[in-house]
C-alpha atoms as a PDB file:
ATOM      1  CA  MET A   1      71.930  18.015 107.116  1.00  0.00           C
ATOM      2  CA  HIS A   2      72.466  20.642 109.772  1.00  0.00           C
ATOM      3  CA  ALA A   3      73.569  24.274 109.462  1.00  0.00           C
ATOM      4  CA  VAL A   4      74.739  26.777 112.051  1.00  0.00           C
ATOM      5  CA  ILE A   5      74.090  30.400 111.093  1.00  0.00           C
ATOM      6  CA  LEU A   6      76.228  33.004 112.838  1.00  0.00           C
ATOM      7  CA  ALA A   7      73.908  35.936 113.461  1.00  0.00           C
ATOM      8  CA  GLY A   8      75.140  37.418 116.723  1.00  0.00           C
ATOM      9  CA  GLY A   9      77.327  40.326 115.619  1.00  0.00           C
ATOM     10  CA  LYS A  10      76.566  43.995 116.128  1.00  0.00           C
ATOM     11  CA  GLY A  11      77.009  44.916 112.462  1.00  0.00           C
ATOM     12  CA  VAL A  12      79.055  47.989 113.334  1.00  0.00           C
ATOM     13  CA  ARG A  13      80.237  48.541 109.748  1.00  0.00           C
ATOM     14  CA  LEU A  14      76.641  48.659 108.519  1.00  0.00           C
ATOM     15  CA  ARG A  15      75.455  51.409 110.815  1.00  0.00           C
ATOM     16  CA  PRO A  16      73.107  53.268 110.869  1.00  0.00           C
ATOM     17  CA  TYR A  17      71.027  50.408 109.355  1.00  0.00           C
ATOM     18  CA  THR A  18      71.902  48.110 112.249  1.00  0.00           C
ATOM     19  CA  THR A  19      71.117  50.583 115.021  1.00  0.00           C
ATOM     20  CA  ALA A  20      67.609  49.181 115.399  1.00  0.00           C
ATOM     21  CA  LEU A  21      67.815  45.938 113.364  1.00  0.00           C
ATOM     22  CA  PRO A  22      70.277  43.042 113.577  1.00  0.00           C
ATOM     23  CA  LYS A  23      72.258  42.827 110.351  1.00  0.00           C
ATOM     24  CA  PRO A  24      70.705  39.527 109.135  1.00  0.00           C
ATOM     25  CA  LEU A  25      67.271  41.190 109.176  1.00  0.00           C
ATOM     26  CA  VAL A  26      68.011  44.280 107.100  1.00  0.00           C
ATOM     27  CA  PRO A  27      65.599  44.173 104.143  1.00  0.00           C
ATOM     28  CA  ILE A  28      66.676  43.240 100.634  1.00  0.00           C
ATOM     29  CA  GLY A  29      64.230  44.335  97.955  1.00  0.00           C
ATOM     30  CA  ASP A  30      60.630  44.930  98.959  1.00  0.00           C
ATOM     31  CA  GLN A  31      59.773  41.635 100.643  1.00  0.00           C
ATOM     32  CA  HIS A  32      62.721  39.772 102.112  1.00  0.00           C
ATOM     33  CA  ALA A  33      65.317  39.994 104.849  1.00  0.00           C
ATOM     34  CA  ILE A  34      68.769  38.546 104.181  1.00  0.00           C
ATOM     35  CA  LEU A  35      68.163  35.840 106.756  1.00  0.00           C
ATOM     36  CA  GLU A  36      64.879  34.797 105.160  1.00  0.00           C
ATOM     37  CA  ILE A  37      66.623  34.303 101.824  1.00  0.00           C
ATOM     38  CA  VAL A  38      69.308  32.187 103.495  1.00  0.00           C
ATOM     39  CA  MET A  39      66.743  30.060 105.325  1.00  0.00           C
ATOM     40  CA  ARG A  40      64.779  29.430 102.147  1.00  0.00           C
ATOM     41  CA  GLN A  41      67.983  28.495 100.308  1.00  0.00           C
ATOM     42  CA  LEU A  42      68.966  26.032 103.025  1.00  0.00           C
ATOM     43  CA  ALA A  43      65.539  24.411 102.963  1.00  0.00           C
ATOM     44  CA  ALA A  44      65.647  24.131  99.171  1.00  0.00           C
ATOM     45  CA  SER A  45      69.102  22.512  99.438  1.00  0.00           C
ATOM     46  CA  GLY A  46      67.789  19.762 101.702  1.00  0.00           C
ATOM     47  CA  PHE A  47      68.782  21.022 105.151  1.00  0.00           C
ATOM     48  CA  LYS A  48      66.343  20.002 107.873  1.00  0.00           C
ATOM     49  CA  THR A  49      67.701  21.601 111.047  1.00  0.00           C
ATOM     50  CA  VAL A  50      69.320  24.966 111.716  1.00  0.00           C
ATOM     51  CA  THR A  51      70.865  26.581 114.763  1.00  0.00           C
ATOM     52  CA  LEU A  52      70.782  30.370 114.870  1.00  0.00           C
ATOM     53  CA  ALA A  53      73.619  31.758 116.969  1.00  0.00           C
ATOM     54  CA  ILE A  54      72.304  35.082 118.233  1.00  0.00           C
ATOM     55  CA  GLY A  55      73.486  37.900 120.450  1.00  0.00           C
ATOM     56  CA  HIS A  56      72.960  41.551 119.510  1.00  0.00           C
ATOM     57  CA  LEU A  57      69.205  42.199 119.174  1.00  0.00           C
ATOM     58  CA  GLY A  58      68.740  38.444 119.162  1.00  0.00           C
ATOM     59  CA  HIS A  59      65.196  38.666 120.494  1.00  0.00           C
ATOM     60  CA  ILE A  60      64.182  40.324 117.224  1.00  0.00           C
ATOM     61  CA  ILE A  61      65.723  37.505 115.191  1.00  0.00           C
ATOM     62  CA  ARG A  62      63.947  34.936 117.369  1.00  0.00           C
ATOM     63  CA  ALA A  63      60.617  36.728 116.869  1.00  0.00           C
ATOM     64  CA  TYR A  64      61.124  36.871 113.098  1.00  0.00           C
ATOM     65  CA  VAL A  65      62.231  33.273 112.578  1.00  0.00           C
ATOM     66  CA  GLY A  66      60.306  31.451 115.302  1.00  0.00           C
ATOM     67  CA  ASN A  67      60.714  27.694 115.019  1.00  0.00           C
ATOM     68  CA  GLY A  68      61.422  27.832 111.269  1.00  0.00           C
ATOM     69  CA  SER A  69      58.327  25.863 110.293  1.00  0.00           C
ATOM     70  CA  GLN A  70      57.336  28.463 107.691  1.00  0.00           C
ATOM     71  CA  TRP A  71      60.339  27.239 105.657  1.00  0.00           C
ATOM     72  CA  GLY A  72      60.036  23.559 106.555  1.00  0.00           C
ATOM     73  CA  LEU A  73      62.962  23.771 108.982  1.00  0.00           C
ATOM     74  CA  ARG A  74      63.440  23.023 112.670  1.00  0.00           C
ATOM     75  CA  VAL A  75      65.265  25.959 114.225  1.00  0.00           C
ATOM     76  CA  GLY A  76      67.019  26.123 117.582  1.00  0.00           C
ATOM     77  CA  TYR A  77      68.844  29.035 119.142  1.00  0.00           C
ATOM     78  CA  ALA A  78      72.155  29.620 120.891  1.00  0.00           C
ATOM     79  CA  VAL A  79      72.903  32.867 122.703  1.00  0.00           C
ATOM     80  CA  GLU A  80      76.484  34.031 123.213  1.00  0.00           C
ATOM     81  CA  ASP A  81      77.007  36.019 126.400  1.00  0.00           C
ATOM     82  CA  SER A  82      80.658  36.932 125.853  1.00  0.00           C
ATOM     83  CA  PRO A  83      82.713  37.180 122.628  1.00  0.00           C
ATOM     84  CA  LEU A  84      84.392  33.855 121.807  1.00  0.00           C
ATOM     85  CA  GLY A  85      85.400  34.422 118.190  1.00  0.00           C
ATOM     86  CA  THR A  86      83.907  32.692 115.183  1.00  0.00           C
ATOM     87  CA  MET A  87      84.583  29.100 116.155  1.00  0.00           C
ATOM     88  CA  GLY A  88      84.888  29.357 119.946  1.00  0.00           C
ATOM     89  CA  PRO A  89      81.160  29.154 120.729  1.00  0.00           C
ATOM     90  CA  LEU A  90      80.921  25.886 118.796  1.00  0.00           C
ATOM     91  CA  LEU A  91      83.182  24.274 121.376  1.00  0.00           C
ATOM     92  CA  THR A  92      80.479  24.432 124.034  1.00  0.00           C
ATOM     93  CA  MET A  93      78.018  22.620 121.764  1.00  0.00           C
ATOM     94  CA  GLN A  94      80.035  19.761 120.293  1.00  0.00           C
ATOM     95  CA  ASP A  95      77.887  17.059 121.833  1.00  0.00           C
ATOM     96  CA  ARG A  96      74.797  18.575 120.189  1.00  0.00           C
ATOM     97  CA  LEU A  97      76.221  18.796 116.692  1.00  0.00           C
ATOM     98  CA  PRO A  98      76.420  16.079 114.025  1.00  0.00           C
ATOM     99  CA  GLU A  99      79.828  14.814 112.953  1.00  0.00           C
ATOM    100  CA  HIS A 100      79.832  17.121 109.926  1.00  0.00           C
ATOM    101  CA  PHE A 101      77.851  20.349 109.612  1.00  0.00           C
ATOM    102  CA  LEU A 102      77.711  23.653 107.761  1.00  0.00           C
ATOM    103  CA  VAL A 103      78.661  26.948 109.412  1.00  0.00           C
ATOM    104  CA  MET A 104      77.872  30.237 107.702  1.00  0.00           C
ATOM    105  CA  ASN A 105      77.373  33.914 108.312  1.00  0.00           C
ATOM    106  CA  GLY A 106      73.860  35.269 108.200  1.00  0.00           C
ATOM    107  CA  ASP A 107      74.726  38.350 106.161  1.00  0.00           C
ATOM    108  CA  ILE A 108      75.713  37.057 102.725  1.00  0.00           C
ATOM    109  CA  LEU A 109      73.860  36.871  99.431  1.00  0.00           C
ATOM    110  CA  THR A 110      75.039  34.046  97.188  1.00  0.00           C
ATOM    111  CA  ASP A 111      73.786  31.319  94.897  1.00  0.00           C
ATOM    112  CA  LEU A 112      76.324  28.913  96.365  1.00  0.00           C
ATOM    113  CA  ASP A 113      74.992  25.364  96.716  1.00  0.00           C
ATOM    114  CA  PHE A 114      75.276  24.880 100.484  1.00  0.00           C
ATOM    115  CA  ALA A 115      74.564  21.168 100.301  1.00  0.00           C
ATOM    116  CA  ALA A 116      77.358  20.737  97.753  1.00  0.00           C
ATOM    117  CA  VAL A 117      79.788  22.434 100.137  1.00  0.00           C
ATOM    118  CA  LEU A 118      78.875  20.009 102.905  1.00  0.00           C
ATOM    119  CA  ARG A 119      79.084  16.991 100.580  1.00  0.00           C
ATOM    120  CA  HIS A 120      82.505  18.157  99.369  1.00  0.00           C
ATOM    121  CA  HIS A 121      83.618  18.562 102.961  1.00  0.00           C
ATOM    122  CA  GLU A 122      82.544  15.075 103.976  1.00  0.00           C
ATOM    123  CA  ALA A 123      84.230  13.524 100.916  1.00  0.00           C
ATOM    124  CA  SER A 124      87.467  15.474 101.396  1.00  0.00           C
ATOM    125  CA  GLY A 125      88.300  14.022 104.791  1.00  0.00           C
ATOM    126  CA  SER A 126      89.566  17.453 105.870  1.00  0.00           C
ATOM    127  CA  PRO A 127      88.616  18.778 109.293  1.00  0.00           C
ATOM    128  CA  LEU A 128      87.553  22.107 107.762  1.00  0.00           C
ATOM    129  CA  THR A 129      86.378  23.230 104.333  1.00  0.00           C
ATOM    130  CA  ILE A 130      86.385  26.894 103.351  1.00  0.00           C
ATOM    131  CA  ALA A 131      84.223  28.199 100.511  1.00  0.00           C
ATOM    132  CA  THR A 132      86.420  30.647  98.595  1.00  0.00           C
ATOM    133  CA  TYR A 133      85.849  33.390  96.055  1.00  0.00           C
ATOM    134  CA  ALA A 134      88.245  35.009  93.572  1.00  0.00           C
ATOM    135  CA  ARG A 135      89.113  38.658  94.063  1.00  0.00           C
ATOM    136  CA  GLN A 136      91.411  40.988  92.155  1.00  0.00           C
ATOM    137  CA  VAL A 137      93.109  44.175  93.301  1.00  0.00           C
ATOM    138  CA  ARG A 138      94.591  46.585  90.774  1.00  0.00           C
ATOM    139  CA  ILE A 139      97.593  48.563  91.997  1.00  0.00           C
ATOM    140  CA  ASP A 140      97.430  52.117  90.652  1.00  0.00           C
ATOM    141  CA  PHE A 141     101.181  52.627  90.763  1.00  0.00           C
ATOM    142  CA  GLY A 142     104.244  51.199  89.129  1.00  0.00           C
ATOM    143  CA  VAL A 143     105.540  48.503  91.489  1.00  0.00           C
ATOM    144  CA  LEU A 144     109.284  48.201  91.988  1.00  0.00           C
ATOM    145  CA  THR A 145     111.355  45.358  93.382  1.00  0.00           C
ATOM    146  CA  THR A 146     114.537  46.599  95.039  1.00  0.00           C
ATOM    147  CA  GLU A 147     117.584  44.873  96.474  1.00  0.00           C
ATOM    148  CA  ALA A 148     120.689  46.430  98.043  1.00  0.00           C
ATOM    149  CA  GLY A 149     119.825  49.873  96.723  1.00  0.00           C
ATOM    150  CA  SER A 150     119.135  48.747  93.145  1.00  0.00           C
ATOM    151  CA  VAL A 151     115.880  48.284  91.261  1.00  0.00           C
ATOM    152  CA  THR A 152     115.709  44.642  90.214  1.00  0.00           C
ATOM    153  CA  GLY A 153     112.178  44.499  88.840  1.00  0.00           C
ATOM    154  CA  PHE A 154     109.299  46.652  87.648  1.00  0.00           C
ATOM    155  CA  GLN A 155     105.594  46.133  86.952  1.00  0.00           C
ATOM    156  CA  GLU A 156     103.337  48.903  85.661  1.00  0.00           C
ATOM    157  CA  LYS A 157     100.048  48.951  87.602  1.00  0.00           C
ATOM    158  CA  PRO A 158      99.835  45.189  88.171  1.00  0.00           C
ATOM    159  CA  SER A 159      96.751  43.286  89.282  1.00  0.00           C
ATOM    160  CA  ILE A 160      96.916  40.865  92.189  1.00  0.00           C
ATOM    161  CA  ASP A 161      94.648  37.811  92.148  1.00  0.00           C
ATOM    162  CA  TYR A 162      93.757  36.063  95.386  1.00  0.00           C
ATOM    163  CA  ARG A 163      90.970  34.058  97.008  1.00  0.00           C
ATOM    164  CA  VAL A 164      88.979  35.106 100.072  1.00  0.00           C
ATOM    165  CA  SER A 165      86.803  33.285 102.549  1.00  0.00           C
ATOM    166  CA  MET A 166      83.111  33.569 101.707  1.00  0.00           C
ATOM    167  CA  GLY A 167      82.027  33.047 105.307  1.00  0.00           C
ATOM    168  CA  VAL A 168      80.707  29.546 104.554  1.00  0.00           C
ATOM    169  CA  TYR A 169      82.420  26.464 105.965  1.00  0.00           C
ATOM    170  CA  GLY A 170      82.090  22.728 106.249  1.00  0.00           C
ATOM    171  CA  VAL A 171      83.202  21.752 109.759  1.00  0.00           C
ATOM    172  CA  SER A 172      83.870  18.418 111.438  1.00  0.00           C
ATOM    173  CA  ARG A 173      83.765  18.015 115.190  1.00  0.00           C
ATOM    174  CA  ALA A 174      87.296  16.598 114.962  1.00  0.00           C
ATOM    175  CA  ALA A 175      88.546  20.068 113.981  1.00  0.00           C
ATOM    176  CA  LEU A 176      87.438  21.390 117.371  1.00  0.00           C
ATOM    177  CA  ALA A 177      88.402  18.451 119.573  1.00  0.00           C
ATOM    178  CA  LYS A 178      91.664  19.801 121.022  1.00  0.00           C
ATOM    179  CA  TYR A 179      90.330  23.200 122.061  1.00  0.00           C
ATOM    180  CA  THR A 180      88.995  24.111 125.486  1.00  0.00           C
ATOM    181  CA  PRO A 181      85.301  24.995 125.708  1.00  0.00           C
ATOM    182  CA  GLY A 182      84.697  28.476 127.072  1.00  0.00           C
ATOM    183  CA  LEU A 183      87.891  29.969 125.604  1.00  0.00           C
ATOM    184  CA  PRO A 184      87.892  32.160 122.472  1.00  0.00           C
ATOM    185  CA  LEU A 185      88.738  30.526 119.150  1.00  0.00           C
ATOM    186  CA  GLY A 186      88.950  32.624 116.017  1.00  0.00           C
ATOM    187  CA  PHE A 187      88.729  31.451 112.430  1.00  0.00           C
ATOM    188  CA  ASP A 188      92.307  32.618 111.843  1.00  0.00           C
ATOM    189  CA  GLU A 189      93.668  30.648 114.797  1.00  0.00           C
ATOM    190  CA  LEU A 190      91.896  27.476 113.710  1.00  0.00           C
ATOM    191  CA  VAL A 191      93.206  27.714 110.134  1.00  0.00           C
ATOM    192  CA  LEU A 192      96.784  28.424 111.239  1.00  0.00           C
ATOM    193  CA  ASP A 193      96.701  25.530 113.711  1.00  0.00           C
ATOM    194  CA  LEU A 194      95.420  23.142 111.041  1.00  0.00           C
ATOM    195  CA  LEU A 195      98.180  24.246 108.660  1.00  0.00           C
ATOM    196  CA  ALA A 196     100.828  23.815 111.354  1.00  0.00           C
ATOM    197  CA  ALA A 197      99.540  20.315 112.094  1.00  0.00           C
ATOM    198  CA  ASP A 198      99.774  19.368 108.398  1.00  0.00           C
ATOM    199  CA  THR A 199      96.000  18.865 108.240  1.00  0.00           C
ATOM    200  CA  PRO A 200      95.158  21.694 105.849  1.00  0.00           C
ATOM    201  CA  PRO A 201      91.588  22.839 105.241  1.00  0.00           C
ATOM    202  CA  SER A 202      89.920  21.882 101.990  1.00  0.00           C
ATOM    203  CA  SER A 203      88.985  24.648  99.560  1.00  0.00           C
ATOM    204  CA  TYR A 204      85.616  24.800  97.827  1.00  0.00           C
ATOM    205  CA  ASP A 205      86.220  27.282  95.014  1.00  0.00           C
ATOM    206  CA  PHE A 206      83.155  29.162  93.813  1.00  0.00           C
ATOM    207  CA  ASP A 207      82.712  31.617  90.948  1.00  0.00           C
ATOM    208  CA  GLY A 208      79.002  32.412  91.012  1.00  0.00           C
ATOM    209  CA  TYR A 209      77.280  35.316  92.748  1.00  0.00           C
ATOM    210  CA  TRP A 210      78.517  36.378  96.183  1.00  0.00           C
ATOM    211  CA  LEU A 211      78.074  39.611  98.087  1.00  0.00           C
ATOM    212  CA  ASP A 212      79.081  40.171 101.691  1.00  0.00           C
ATOM    213  CA  ILE A 213      76.655  42.703 103.181  1.00  0.00           C
ATOM    214  CA  GLY A 214      79.255  44.320 105.420  1.00  0.00           C
ATOM    215  CA  ARG A 215      79.156  48.038 104.615  1.00  0.00           C
ATOM    216  CA  PRO A 216      76.527  50.566 103.514  1.00  0.00           C
ATOM    217  CA  ASP A 217      77.903  50.492  99.956  1.00  0.00           C
ATOM    218  CA  ASP A 218      77.489  46.699  99.867  1.00  0.00           C
ATOM    219  CA  TYR A 219      73.951  46.986 101.170  1.00  0.00           C
ATOM    220  CA  ASP A 220      73.041  49.605  98.574  1.00  0.00           C
ATOM    221  CA  ARG A 221      74.495  47.394  95.849  1.00  0.00           C
ATOM    222  CA  ALA A 222      72.514  44.393  97.085  1.00  0.00           C
ATOM    223  CA  ASN A 223      69.262  46.311  96.862  1.00  0.00           C
ATOM    224  CA  ALA A 224      70.126  47.752  93.454  1.00  0.00           C
ATOM    225  CA  GLU A 225      70.925  44.288  92.058  1.00  0.00           C
ATOM    226  CA  PHE A 226      68.259  42.248  93.799  1.00  0.00           C
ATOM    227  CA  SER A 227      65.513  42.464  91.176  1.00  0.00           C
ATOM    228  CA  SER A 228      67.861  41.113  88.508  1.00  0.00           C
ATOM    229  CA  ILE A 229      69.678  38.593  90.689  1.00  0.00           C
ATOM    230  CA  ARG A 230      66.592  37.264  92.485  1.00  0.00           C
ATOM    231  CA  PRO A 231      65.998  34.376  90.007  1.00  0.00           C
ATOM    232  CA  VAL A 232      69.591  33.275  90.617  1.00  0.00           C
ATOM    233  CA  LEU A 233      69.365  33.524  94.383  1.00  0.00           C
ATOM    234  CA  MET A 234      65.960  31.859  94.598  1.00  0.00           C
ATOM    235  CA  PRO A 235      65.450  29.668  91.515  1.00  0.00           C
ATOM    236  CA  PHE A 236      62.957  27.579  93.498  1.00  0.00           C
ATOM    237  CA  GLU A 237      60.441  30.417  93.350  1.00  0.00           C
ATOM    238  CA  SER A 238      57.713  29.913  90.772  1.00  0.00           C
ATOM    239  CA  ALA A 239      56.838  32.878  88.598  1.00  0.00           C
ATOM    240  CA  ASP A 240      53.201  31.935  89.139  1.00  0.00           C
ATOM    241  CA  THR A 241      53.461  31.873  92.928  1.00  0.00           C
ATOM    242  CA  PRO A 242      52.176  35.020  94.615  1.00  0.00           C
ATOM    243  CA  ALA A 243      54.765  36.932  96.585  1.00  0.00           C
ATOM    244  CA  ALA A 244      54.877  35.980 100.228  1.00  0.00           C
ATOM    245  CA  THR A 245      53.653  38.468 102.790  1.00  0.00           C
ATOM    246  CA  PRO A 246      56.632  39.872 104.701  1.00  0.00           C
ATOM    247  CA  THR A 247      57.002  38.577 108.231  1.00  0.00           C
ATOM    248  CA  VAL A 248      55.990  41.162 110.826  1.00  0.00           C
ATOM    249  CA  VAL A 249      58.175  41.411 113.901  1.00  0.00           C
ATOM    250  CA  PRO A 250      55.994  41.826 116.991  1.00  0.00           C
ATOM    251  CA  ALA A 251      56.618  44.834 119.181  1.00  0.00           C
ATOM    252  CA  VAL A 252      56.702  42.672 122.320  1.00  0.00           C
ATOM    253  CA  VAL A 253      58.684  39.446 122.245  1.00  0.00           C
ATOM    254  CA  PRO A 254      57.652  36.688 124.689  1.00  0.00           C
ATOM    255  CA  ALA A 255      60.372  35.495 127.013  1.00  0.00           C
ATOM    256  CA  VAL A 256      61.911  32.126 126.191  1.00  0.00           C
ATOM    257  CA  ALA A 257      63.578  29.953 128.825  1.00  0.00           C
ATOM    258  CA  GLU A 258      67.290  29.498 128.279  1.00  0.00           C
ATOM    259  CA  LEU A 259      69.763  26.943 129.574  1.00  0.00           C
ATOM    260  CA  PRO A 260      73.031  28.463 130.913  1.00  0.00           C
ATOM    261  CA  ILE A 261      76.258  26.838 129.769  1.00  0.00           C
ATOM    262  CA  PRO A 262      79.899  28.015 130.036  1.00  0.00           C
ATOM    263  CA  ALA A 263      80.289  31.418 128.289  1.00  0.00           C
ATOM    264  CA  ALA A 264      77.146  30.901 126.233  1.00  0.00           C
ATOM    265  CA  ARG A 265      73.612  29.696 126.612  1.00  0.00           C
ATOM    266  CA  THR A 266      71.297  27.801 124.325  1.00  0.00           C
ATOM    267  CA  ALA A 267      67.578  27.797 123.827  1.00  0.00           C
ATOM    268  CA  SER A 268      65.226  26.089 121.445  1.00  0.00           C
ATOM    269  CA  ASP A 269      62.087  27.872 120.359  1.00  0.00           C
ATOM    270  CA  ASP A 270      59.047  26.787 122.394  1.00  0.00           C
ATOM    271  CA  SER A 271      57.568  24.995 119.396  1.00  0.00           C
ATOM    272  CA  ALA A 272      60.819  23.513 118.071  1.00  0.00           C
ATOM    273  CA  GLN A 273      61.633  19.835 118.413  1.00  0.00           C
ATOM    274  CA  PRO A 274      63.577  19.059 121.617  1.00  0.00           C
ATOM    275  CA  ASP A 275      66.436  17.364 119.804  1.00  0.00           C
ATOM    276  CA  THR A 276      67.240  20.341 117.566  1.00  0.00           C
ATOM    277  CA  PRO A 277      71.048  20.702 117.595  1.00  0.00           C
ATOM    278  CA  ALA A 278      72.489  23.961 118.887  1.00  0.00           C
ATOM    279  CA  ALA A 279      75.689  25.933 118.420  1.00  0.00           C
ATOM    280  CA  ALA A 280      76.846  29.533 118.733  1.00  0.00           C
ATOM    281  CA  GLY A 281      79.173  31.858 116.899  1.00  0.00           C
ATOM    282  CA  ALA A 282      80.390  35.380 116.243  1.00  0.00           C
ATOM    283  CA  GLU A 283      81.034  37.433 113.167  1.00  0.00           C
ATOM    284  CA  SER A 284      84.861  37.490 112.972  1.00  0.00           C
ATOM    285  CA  ASP A 285      85.672  35.023 110.231  1.00  0.00           C
ATOM    286  CA  GLY A 286      88.689  36.125 108.218  1.00  0.00           C
ATOM    287  CA  ARG A 287      86.677  37.515 105.319  1.00  0.00           C
ATOM    288  CA  ALA A 288      88.019  40.534 103.511  1.00  0.00           C
ATOM    289  CA  ALA A 289      86.704  43.777 104.962  1.00  0.00           C
END
């Protein structure tokens, strides 16, 4: 199983934390970065290869992750030179991706079973599967329905239930086949096109733990909850296993040769396997702000 992690955004909403660190590397708790937790979860779920799509401060991510061997993964890299939207960079890499693969953002904390999402996607026959999460908004006013100058309905402070994208997707290459490599393709455009073509995405509904680390308040909440939620996020950890030493990012990052391609470029870590698949991405994905 292969996963593409979108880790190239600037993390503007999370400033000032992301001024010096890429968002996937902001620390959670005393020992882990978000990206480390995600990588360990993927390995525990049975994924073998991962592509990290990097851009902003990508050299720091590359130095932190290396070839992924510390988690039993083979990691390759893809570098986006110009913004192509969430799905657009994948178009330049289709020949390097398996028929079905996982795409996810590198800034979420969840106990979602990533392998189950990919299995569901393959079984569904849909070109795209979206992991979804229930949200509720309470309206603090009485809501009126009006028609032709008359009030025809009234609800006192109603709640609205809806589902949002978690930033985790099962994707088939067929979903990308009609688009032109090198041109932007957003998550919203892809979903609307699939609906218009009567090939709707599949929904993988999830009700466990999910937190999108998008704003300072979210980040503070993640750190406040981490000690209690850690056994849920990382059940594969043994209580008897000593805590891992945090990875130290070197001050000087060695240069890595990169292969130019239209609107993006890819590079595998020097010690990674040469057949590691590669893909790229950005952080716009239709999730609620």
